[in-house]
Amino acid sequence: MSDLTKIKSYVEQLIRTSPGDGAFLIITVNGTEDFLQMTGDTRGVQLNFPLITARQMSMESNIRAVAARNGFTLTENNGSDGSRFLDIGMAANASEVAQVSEILLREVFRVGEATKLDFEGDGIEFK
């Protein structure tokens, strides 16, 4: 079973958290520094790509191209320390969030069925 199939159940747990709990999910491509992170609750989910390290900044044009090709609306935000993030805001729909996450992982980071993913987060029970 591909690790990609686990995303939906983890997103479902993320969405069930109460607003303000600060729950998050990080999906890292095993053996790399590539990851997709998200925060969310019953009000919605925000996927984001930090643009802090040289590797992350080198991926910006690819992230933008994949988002445009798939019709995802990217918003650029700045952290309190001046760091940049590319965000995709979504409704609290686990199926949609999982589908978009899978597209992003496949097209931005070249994740395939056999690629091992590492999951971490708060407010989520990993199995």
C-alpha atoms as a PDB file:
ATOM      1  CA  MET A   1       0.000   0.000   0.000  1.00  0.00           C
ATOM      2  CA  SER A   2       1.347   3.401  -0.992  1.00  0.00           C
ATOM      3  CA  ASP A   3       1.981   5.975   1.732  1.00  0.00           C
ATOM      4  CA  LEU A   4      -0.053   8.399  -0.415  1.00  0.00           C
ATOM      5  CA  THR A   5      -3.201   6.497   0.600  1.00  0.00           C
ATOM      6  CA  LYS A   6      -2.613   7.421   4.270  1.00  0.00           C
ATOM      7  CA  ILE A   7      -2.988  11.149   3.675  1.00  0.00           C
ATOM      8  CA  LYS A   8      -6.799  11.256   3.717  1.00  0.00           C
ATOM      9  CA  SER A   9      -7.152   9.642   7.157  1.00  0.00           C
ATOM     10  CA  TYR A  10      -4.580  12.006   8.659  1.00  0.00           C
ATOM     11  CA  VAL A  11      -6.294  15.017   7.086  1.00  0.00           C
ATOM     12  CA  GLU A  12      -9.638  13.794   8.480  1.00  0.00           C
ATOM     13  CA  GLN A  13      -8.108  13.852  11.958  1.00  0.00           C
ATOM     14  CA  LEU A  14      -6.642  17.308  11.340  1.00  0.00           C
ATOM     15  CA  ILE A  15     -10.032  18.653  10.292  1.00  0.00           C
ATOM     16  CA  ARG A  16     -11.743  17.207  13.377  1.00  0.00           C
ATOM     17  CA  THR A  17      -9.585  19.286  15.699  1.00  0.00           C
ATOM     18  CA  SER A  18     -11.123  22.294  17.365  1.00  0.00           C
ATOM     19  CA  PRO A  19     -10.409  25.760  16.002  1.00  0.00           C
ATOM     20  CA  GLY A  20      -7.489  27.321  17.792  1.00  0.00           C
ATOM     21  CA  ASP A  21      -5.899  24.008  18.812  1.00  0.00           C
ATOM     22  CA  GLY A  22      -2.989  24.598  16.448  1.00  0.00           C
ATOM     23  CA  ALA A  23      -3.058  21.109  14.927  1.00  0.00           C
ATOM     24  CA  PHE A  24      -0.720  20.535  11.995  1.00  0.00           C
ATOM     25  CA  LEU A  25       0.451  17.802   9.636  1.00  0.00           C
ATOM     26  CA  ILE A  26       3.830  17.604   7.919  1.00  0.00           C
ATOM     27  CA  ILE A  27       4.422  15.118   5.096  1.00  0.00           C
ATOM     28  CA  THR A  28       8.132  14.653   4.371  1.00  0.00           C
ATOM     29  CA  VAL A  29       9.570  12.726   1.443  1.00  0.00           C
ATOM     30  CA  ASN A  30      11.718  10.148   3.230  1.00  0.00           C
ATOM     31  CA  GLY A  31      15.456  10.783   2.986  1.00  0.00           C
ATOM     32  CA  THR A  32      15.033  14.341   1.680  1.00  0.00           C
ATOM     33  CA  GLU A  33      14.354  17.801   3.056  1.00  0.00           C
ATOM     34  CA  ASP A  34      11.245  18.097   0.836  1.00  0.00           C
ATOM     35  CA  PHE A  35       7.950  18.415   2.655  1.00  0.00           C
ATOM     36  CA  LEU A  36       4.394  19.699   2.473  1.00  0.00           C
ATOM     37  CA  GLN A  37       2.912  21.078   5.645  1.00  0.00           C
ATOM     38  CA  MET A  38      -0.630  21.964   6.574  1.00  0.00           C
ATOM     39  CA  THR A  39      -2.607  23.423   9.405  1.00  0.00           C
ATOM     40  CA  GLY A  40      -6.311  23.135   9.814  1.00  0.00           C
ATOM     41  CA  ASP A  41      -9.442  22.473  11.761  1.00  0.00           C
ATOM     42  CA  THR A  42     -13.197  22.394  11.194  1.00  0.00           C
ATOM     43  CA  ARG A  43     -13.029  25.801   9.462  1.00  0.00           C
ATOM     44  CA  GLY A  44     -10.599  24.794   6.709  1.00  0.00           C
ATOM     45  CA  VAL A  45      -7.105  23.661   5.822  1.00  0.00           C
ATOM     46  CA  GLN A  46      -4.108  25.629   4.648  1.00  0.00           C
ATOM     47  CA  LEU A  47      -1.362  23.838   2.729  1.00  0.00           C
ATOM     48  CA  ASN A  48       1.925  25.641   2.720  1.00  0.00           C
ATOM     49  CA  PHE A  49       5.385  25.570   1.288  1.00  0.00           C
ATOM     50  CA  PRO A  50       7.989  27.523   3.247  1.00  0.00           C
ATOM     51  CA  LEU A  51      10.544  29.360   1.103  1.00  0.00           C
ATOM     52  CA  ILE A  52      13.327  29.602   3.662  1.00  0.00           C
ATOM     53  CA  THR A  53      16.170  27.248   2.697  1.00  0.00           C
ATOM     54  CA  ALA A  54      18.054  27.392  -0.616  1.00  0.00           C
ATOM     55  CA  ARG A  55      16.373  24.113  -1.651  1.00  0.00           C
ATOM     56  CA  GLN A  56      12.906  25.474  -0.860  1.00  0.00           C
ATOM     57  CA  MET A  57      13.555  28.720  -2.735  1.00  0.00           C
ATOM     58  CA  SER A  58      14.833  26.740  -5.735  1.00  0.00           C
ATOM     59  CA  MET A  59      11.457  24.950  -5.867  1.00  0.00           C
ATOM     60  CA  GLU A  60       9.369  28.151  -6.000  1.00  0.00           C
ATOM     61  CA  SER A  61       8.958  28.322  -9.780  1.00  0.00           C
ATOM     62  CA  ASN A  62       8.009  24.644  -9.926  1.00  0.00           C
ATOM     63  CA  ILE A  63       5.463  25.045  -7.113  1.00  0.00           C
ATOM     64  CA  ARG A  64       3.937  28.033  -8.902  1.00  0.00           C
ATOM     65  CA  ALA A  65       3.830  26.147 -12.229  1.00  0.00           C
ATOM     66  CA  VAL A  66       2.193  23.059 -10.694  1.00  0.00           C
ATOM     67  CA  ALA A  67      -0.376  25.230  -8.892  1.00  0.00           C
ATOM     68  CA  ALA A  68      -1.215  27.168 -12.065  1.00  0.00           C
ATOM     69  CA  ARG A  69      -1.450  24.001 -14.191  1.00  0.00           C
ATOM     70  CA  ASN A  70      -3.877  22.434 -11.697  1.00  0.00           C
ATOM     71  CA  GLY A  71      -5.946  25.556 -10.978  1.00  0.00           C
ATOM     72  CA  PHE A  72      -4.801  25.940  -7.353  1.00  0.00           C
ATOM     73  CA  THR A  73      -4.792  29.488  -6.016  1.00  0.00           C
ATOM     74  CA  LEU A  74      -1.480  30.330  -4.332  1.00  0.00           C
ATOM     75  CA  THR A  75      -1.140  33.152  -1.864  1.00  0.00           C
ATOM     76  CA  GLU A  76       2.262  34.437  -0.812  1.00  0.00           C
ATOM     77  CA  ASN A  77       2.534  35.277   2.881  1.00  0.00           C
ATOM     78  CA  ASN A  78       5.332  36.483   5.119  1.00  0.00           C
ATOM     79  CA  GLY A  79       6.148  35.185   8.561  1.00  0.00           C
ATOM     80  CA  SER A  80       6.812  37.523  11.472  1.00  0.00           C
ATOM     81  CA  ASP A  81      10.545  36.997  10.858  1.00  0.00           C
ATOM     82  CA  GLY A  82      10.256  37.954   7.182  1.00  0.00           C
ATOM     83  CA  SER A  83      10.276  34.379   5.913  1.00  0.00           C
ATOM     84  CA  ARG A  84       8.117  33.677   2.850  1.00  0.00           C
ATOM     85  CA  PHE A  85       5.473  30.994   2.352  1.00  0.00           C
ATOM     86  CA  LEU A  86       3.321  29.913  -0.565  1.00  0.00           C
ATOM     87  CA  ASP A  87      -0.103  28.878   0.737  1.00  0.00           C
ATOM     88  CA  ILE A  88      -3.186  27.183  -0.671  1.00  0.00           C
ATOM     89  CA  GLY A  89      -6.354  27.696   1.378  1.00  0.00           C
ATOM     90  CA  MET A  90      -8.974  24.956   1.159  1.00  0.00           C
ATOM     91  CA  ALA A  91     -12.330  23.997   2.639  1.00  0.00           C
ATOM     92  CA  ALA A  92     -12.401  21.426   5.434  1.00  0.00           C
ATOM     93  CA  ASN A  93     -12.924  18.526   3.012  1.00  0.00           C
ATOM     94  CA  ALA A  94     -10.520  15.657   3.658  1.00  0.00           C
ATOM     95  CA  SER A  95     -10.983  14.077   0.222  1.00  0.00           C
ATOM     96  CA  GLU A  96     -10.194  17.313  -1.606  1.00  0.00           C
ATOM     97  CA  VAL A  97      -7.245  18.173   0.632  1.00  0.00           C
ATOM     98  CA  ALA A  98      -5.807  14.663   0.220  1.00  0.00           C
ATOM     99  CA  GLN A  99      -6.250  14.830  -3.565  1.00  0.00           C
ATOM    100  CA  VAL A 100      -4.552  18.236  -3.827  1.00  0.00           C
ATOM    101  CA  SER A 101      -1.773  17.080  -1.470  1.00  0.00           C
ATOM    102  CA  GLU A 102      -1.156  14.008  -3.611  1.00  0.00           C
ATOM    103  CA  ILE A 103      -0.987  16.106  -6.794  1.00  0.00           C
ATOM    104  CA  LEU A 104       1.477  18.497  -5.163  1.00  0.00           C
ATOM    105  CA  LEU A 105       3.648  15.689  -3.786  1.00  0.00           C
ATOM    106  CA  ARG A 106       3.697  13.895  -7.149  1.00  0.00           C
ATOM    107  CA  GLU A 107       4.272  16.931  -9.348  1.00  0.00           C
ATOM    108  CA  VAL A 108       6.468  19.116  -7.137  1.00  0.00           C
ATOM    109  CA  PHE A 109       8.548  16.461  -5.377  1.00  0.00           C
ATOM    110  CA  ARG A 110       8.181  13.566  -7.876  1.00  0.00           C
ATOM    111  CA  VAL A 111       6.662  11.207  -5.296  1.00  0.00           C
ATOM    112  CA  GLY A 112       5.590   7.849  -6.720  1.00  0.00           C
ATOM    113  CA  GLU A 113       3.644   4.870  -5.419  1.00  0.00           C
ATOM    114  CA  ALA A 114       6.785   3.319  -3.910  1.00  0.00           C
ATOM    115  CA  THR A 115       8.065   6.537  -2.316  1.00  0.00           C
ATOM    116  CA  LYS A 116       8.232   6.392   1.467  1.00  0.00           C
ATOM    117  CA  LEU A 117       6.629   9.340   3.227  1.00  0.00           C
ATOM    118  CA  ASP A 118       7.170  10.352   6.840  1.00  0.00           C
ATOM    119  CA  PHE A 119       4.241  11.876   8.726  1.00  0.00           C
ATOM    120  CA  GLU A 120       4.381  14.036  11.818  1.00  0.00           C
ATOM    121  CA  GLY A 121       2.035  16.450  13.459  1.00  0.00           C
ATOM    122  CA  ASP A 122       0.038  17.495  16.444  1.00  0.00           C
ATOM    123  CA  GLY A 123      -3.512  16.363  17.151  1.00  0.00           C
ATOM    124  CA  ILE A 124      -3.133  13.322  14.879  1.00  0.00           C
ATOM    125  CA  GLU A 125      -2.737   9.618  15.712  1.00  0.00           C
ATOM    126  CA  PHE A 126      -0.385   7.994  13.210  1.00  0.00           C
ATOM    127  CA  LYS A 127      -0.832   4.312  12.351  1.00  0.00           C
END
